[in-house]
Amino acid sequence: MNNKRHVISLLMENKAGALSRVVGLFSARGFNIENLNVAPTQDETISRLTLVTYCDEKLIEQINRSEERRVGK
C-alpha cells in the first residue's frame, strides 16, 4: 500500500454524534487518524474539523464520496 500524508478539513454541523460519524469512516477502513482538531466557526451551528492521516488515494476518494453524499442529504 502506498500511504501518503493527507490533511483533510471539512465543515460539519455542530451536533452530537457528528464527530463520531466522521471518525467512523476511518476506523471502519482500519486507518488511524494521526492528528485531530475540531474548532468552532463564526456560525454557532457549524464546526471545522481538521485531521491528518496516512492512507492511499483510494481511501481519500471513498471518504470524499461518503461526505459528499452526506452533505447532499
N, C-alpha and C. Protein backbone atom coordinates (compact mmCIF):
# COMPACT_ATOMS: atom_id res chain seq x y z
N MET A 1 0.84 -1.18 0.00
CA MET A 1 0.00 0.00 0.00
C MET A 1 0.89 1.24 0.00
N ASN A 2 0.52 2.22 -0.79
CA ASN A 2 1.29 3.45 -0.92
C ASN A 2 0.62 4.55 -0.10
N ASN A 3 0.92 4.60 1.19
CA ASN A 3 0.29 5.58 2.07
C ASN A 3 1.04 6.90 2.05
N LYS A 4 0.27 7.97 1.90
CA LYS A 4 0.81 9.32 1.93
C LYS A 4 0.09 10.11 3.01
N ARG A 5 0.71 11.19 3.43
CA ARG A 5 0.11 12.06 4.43
C ARG A 5 -0.96 12.91 3.76
N HIS A 6 -2.13 12.94 4.39
CA HIS A 6 -3.25 13.74 3.89
C HIS A 6 -3.79 14.59 5.02
N VAL A 7 -4.04 15.85 4.73
CA VAL A 7 -4.70 16.76 5.66
C VAL A 7 -6.09 17.02 5.11
N ILE A 8 -7.08 16.71 5.92
CA ILE A 8 -8.47 16.85 5.49
C ILE A 8 -9.14 17.87 6.40
N SER A 9 -9.80 18.83 5.79
CA SER A 9 -10.52 19.84 6.54
C SER A 9 -11.95 19.88 6.02
N LEU A 10 -12.90 19.85 6.93
CA LEU A 10 -14.29 19.91 6.49
C LEU A 10 -15.13 20.65 7.52
N LEU A 11 -16.23 21.15 7.05
CA LEU A 11 -17.20 21.81 7.93
C LEU A 11 -18.29 20.81 8.23
N MET A 12 -18.72 20.78 9.48
CA MET A 12 -19.78 19.85 9.86
C MET A 12 -20.73 20.54 10.83
N GLU A 13 -21.94 20.00 10.90
CA GLU A 13 -22.92 20.52 11.82
C GLU A 13 -22.43 20.34 13.25
N ASN A 14 -22.66 21.32 14.06
CA ASN A 14 -22.27 21.27 15.45
C ASN A 14 -23.36 20.54 16.24
N LYS A 15 -23.45 19.22 16.05
CA LYS A 15 -24.46 18.39 16.70
C LYS A 15 -23.80 17.18 17.33
N ALA A 16 -24.44 16.64 18.33
CA ALA A 16 -23.94 15.44 18.99
C ALA A 16 -23.83 14.30 17.98
N GLY A 17 -22.72 13.60 17.99
CA GLY A 17 -22.52 12.45 17.11
C GLY A 17 -21.87 12.76 15.78
N ALA A 18 -21.74 14.02 15.43
CA ALA A 18 -21.15 14.37 14.13
C ALA A 18 -19.69 13.93 14.04
N LEU A 19 -18.94 14.17 15.09
CA LEU A 19 -17.53 13.78 15.10
C LEU A 19 -17.37 12.27 15.01
N SER A 20 -18.17 11.53 15.74
CA SER A 20 -18.04 10.07 15.73
C SER A 20 -18.38 9.49 14.36
N ARG A 21 -19.28 10.10 13.62
CA ARG A 21 -19.60 9.61 12.27
C ARG A 21 -18.41 9.78 11.33
N VAL A 22 -17.74 10.92 11.41
CA VAL A 22 -16.58 11.17 10.55
C VAL A 22 -15.44 10.23 10.93
N VAL A 23 -15.15 10.12 12.21
CA VAL A 23 -14.08 9.24 12.67
C VAL A 23 -14.39 7.79 12.31
N GLY A 24 -15.65 7.42 12.34
CA GLY A 24 -16.07 6.06 11.99
C GLY A 24 -15.73 5.69 10.56
N LEU A 25 -15.70 6.68 9.66
CA LEU A 25 -15.33 6.40 8.27
C LEU A 25 -13.91 5.86 8.19
N PHE A 26 -13.04 6.36 9.04
CA PHE A 26 -11.65 5.90 9.05
C PHE A 26 -11.50 4.58 9.79
N SER A 27 -12.10 4.48 10.95
CA SER A 27 -11.92 3.26 11.74
C SER A 27 -12.54 2.05 11.04
N ALA A 28 -13.62 2.25 10.31
CA ALA A 28 -14.25 1.15 9.59
C ALA A 28 -13.33 0.60 8.50
N ARG A 29 -12.42 1.42 8.03
CA ARG A 29 -11.48 1.00 6.99
C ARG A 29 -10.10 0.65 7.55
N GLY A 30 -9.98 0.69 8.88
CA GLY A 30 -8.74 0.28 9.52
C GLY A 30 -7.61 1.29 9.46
N PHE A 31 -7.90 2.57 9.28
CA PHE A 31 -6.88 3.59 9.22
C PHE A 31 -6.91 4.46 10.47
N ASN A 32 -5.74 4.86 10.89
CA ASN A 32 -5.62 5.72 12.07
C ASN A 32 -5.66 7.19 11.69
N ILE A 33 -6.14 7.98 12.61
CA ILE A 33 -6.07 9.43 12.49
C ILE A 33 -4.88 9.85 13.33
N GLU A 34 -3.91 10.50 12.70
CA GLU A 34 -2.69 10.91 13.39
C GLU A 34 -2.90 12.16 14.23
N ASN A 35 -3.76 13.06 13.75
CA ASN A 35 -3.99 14.32 14.42
C ASN A 35 -5.43 14.73 14.14
N LEU A 36 -6.08 15.29 15.15
CA LEU A 36 -7.48 15.68 15.01
C LEU A 36 -7.71 16.98 15.76
N ASN A 37 -8.39 17.92 15.10
CA ASN A 37 -8.71 19.19 15.72
C ASN A 37 -10.12 19.59 15.30
N VAL A 38 -10.92 19.98 16.26
CA VAL A 38 -12.26 20.49 15.98
C VAL A 38 -12.37 21.85 16.64
N ALA A 39 -12.85 22.82 15.87
CA ALA A 39 -12.95 24.18 16.40
C ALA A 39 -14.25 24.83 15.92
N PRO A 40 -14.77 25.76 16.69
CA PRO A 40 -15.98 26.47 16.27
C PRO A 40 -15.69 27.43 15.11
N THR A 41 -16.73 27.77 14.41
CA THR A 41 -16.65 28.80 13.37
C THR A 41 -17.46 30.01 13.84
N GLN A 42 -17.55 31.02 13.02
CA GLN A 42 -18.36 32.18 13.39
C GLN A 42 -19.83 31.81 13.49
N ASP A 43 -20.24 30.80 12.73
CA ASP A 43 -21.60 30.29 12.79
C ASP A 43 -21.67 29.24 13.89
N GLU A 44 -22.44 29.47 14.93
CA GLU A 44 -22.51 28.57 16.07
C GLU A 44 -23.00 27.16 15.72
N THR A 45 -23.65 27.01 14.59
CA THR A 45 -24.19 25.71 14.21
C THR A 45 -23.20 24.87 13.42
N ILE A 46 -22.03 25.45 13.08
CA ILE A 46 -21.04 24.77 12.24
C ILE A 46 -19.69 24.71 12.97
N SER A 47 -19.02 23.56 12.86
CA SER A 47 -17.66 23.39 13.38
C SER A 47 -16.74 23.00 12.23
N ARG A 48 -15.46 23.33 12.36
CA ARG A 48 -14.46 22.92 11.38
C ARG A 48 -13.66 21.79 11.97
N LEU A 49 -13.58 20.69 11.23
CA LEU A 49 -12.79 19.54 11.63
C LEU A 49 -11.59 19.45 10.70
N THR A 50 -10.40 19.33 11.29
CA THR A 50 -9.17 19.15 10.52
C THR A 50 -8.49 17.91 11.06
N LEU A 51 -8.12 17.00 10.16
CA LEU A 51 -7.43 15.79 10.61
C LEU A 51 -6.30 15.45 9.67
N VAL A 52 -5.33 14.70 10.20
CA VAL A 52 -4.18 14.24 9.43
C VAL A 52 -4.18 12.72 9.50
N THR A 53 -4.00 12.08 8.35
CA THR A 53 -3.93 10.63 8.29
C THR A 53 -2.93 10.21 7.23
N TYR A 54 -2.46 9.02 7.33
CA TYR A 54 -1.59 8.42 6.31
C TYR A 54 -2.39 7.30 5.68
N CYS A 55 -2.73 7.46 4.40
CA CYS A 55 -3.51 6.44 3.70
C CYS A 55 -3.29 6.60 2.20
N ASP A 56 -3.88 5.69 1.45
CA ASP A 56 -3.73 5.75 0.00
C ASP A 56 -4.83 6.61 -0.62
N GLU A 57 -4.66 6.92 -1.89
CA GLU A 57 -5.62 7.78 -2.61
C GLU A 57 -7.01 7.16 -2.67
N LYS A 58 -7.08 5.84 -2.73
CA LYS A 58 -8.37 5.16 -2.81
C LYS A 58 -9.23 5.47 -1.59
N LEU A 59 -8.63 5.43 -0.40
CA LEU A 59 -9.39 5.73 0.81
C LEU A 59 -9.85 7.19 0.81
N ILE A 60 -8.98 8.10 0.42
CA ILE A 60 -9.36 9.52 0.38
C ILE A 60 -10.54 9.72 -0.56
N GLU A 61 -10.54 9.06 -1.71
CA GLU A 61 -11.66 9.17 -2.64
C GLU A 61 -12.94 8.63 -2.01
N GLN A 62 -12.85 7.51 -1.28
CA GLN A 62 -14.02 6.94 -0.61
C GLN A 62 -14.57 7.90 0.45
N ILE A 63 -13.67 8.49 1.22
CA ILE A 63 -14.08 9.44 2.25
C ILE A 63 -14.76 10.64 1.62
N ASN A 64 -14.18 11.18 0.55
CA ASN A 64 -14.78 12.33 -0.13
C ASN A 64 -16.17 12.01 -0.66
N ARG A 65 -16.32 10.85 -1.30
CA ARG A 65 -17.64 10.47 -1.83
C ARG A 65 -18.65 10.32 -0.71
N SER A 66 -18.24 9.70 0.37
CA SER A 66 -19.14 9.50 1.51
C SER A 66 -19.58 10.83 2.09
N GLU A 67 -18.66 11.74 2.26
CA GLU A 67 -19.00 13.06 2.82
C GLU A 67 -19.85 13.86 1.84
N GLU A 68 -19.61 13.75 0.56
CA GLU A 68 -20.43 14.46 -0.42
C GLU A 68 -21.87 13.97 -0.40
N ARG A 69 -22.04 12.65 -0.24
CA ARG A 69 -23.40 12.10 -0.13
C ARG A 69 -24.09 12.61 1.12
N ARG A 70 -23.34 12.68 2.21
CA ARG A 70 -23.90 13.14 3.48
C ARG A 70 -24.32 14.61 3.38
N VAL A 71 -23.53 15.42 2.71
CA VAL A 71 -23.85 16.85 2.56
C VAL A 71 -25.09 17.01 1.69
N GLY A 72 -25.27 16.14 0.73
CA GLY A 72 -26.40 16.21 -0.17
C GLY A 72 -27.74 15.91 0.49
N LYS A 73 -27.72 15.34 1.69
CA LYS A 73 -28.96 14.97 2.38
C LYS A 73 -29.66 16.17 2.96
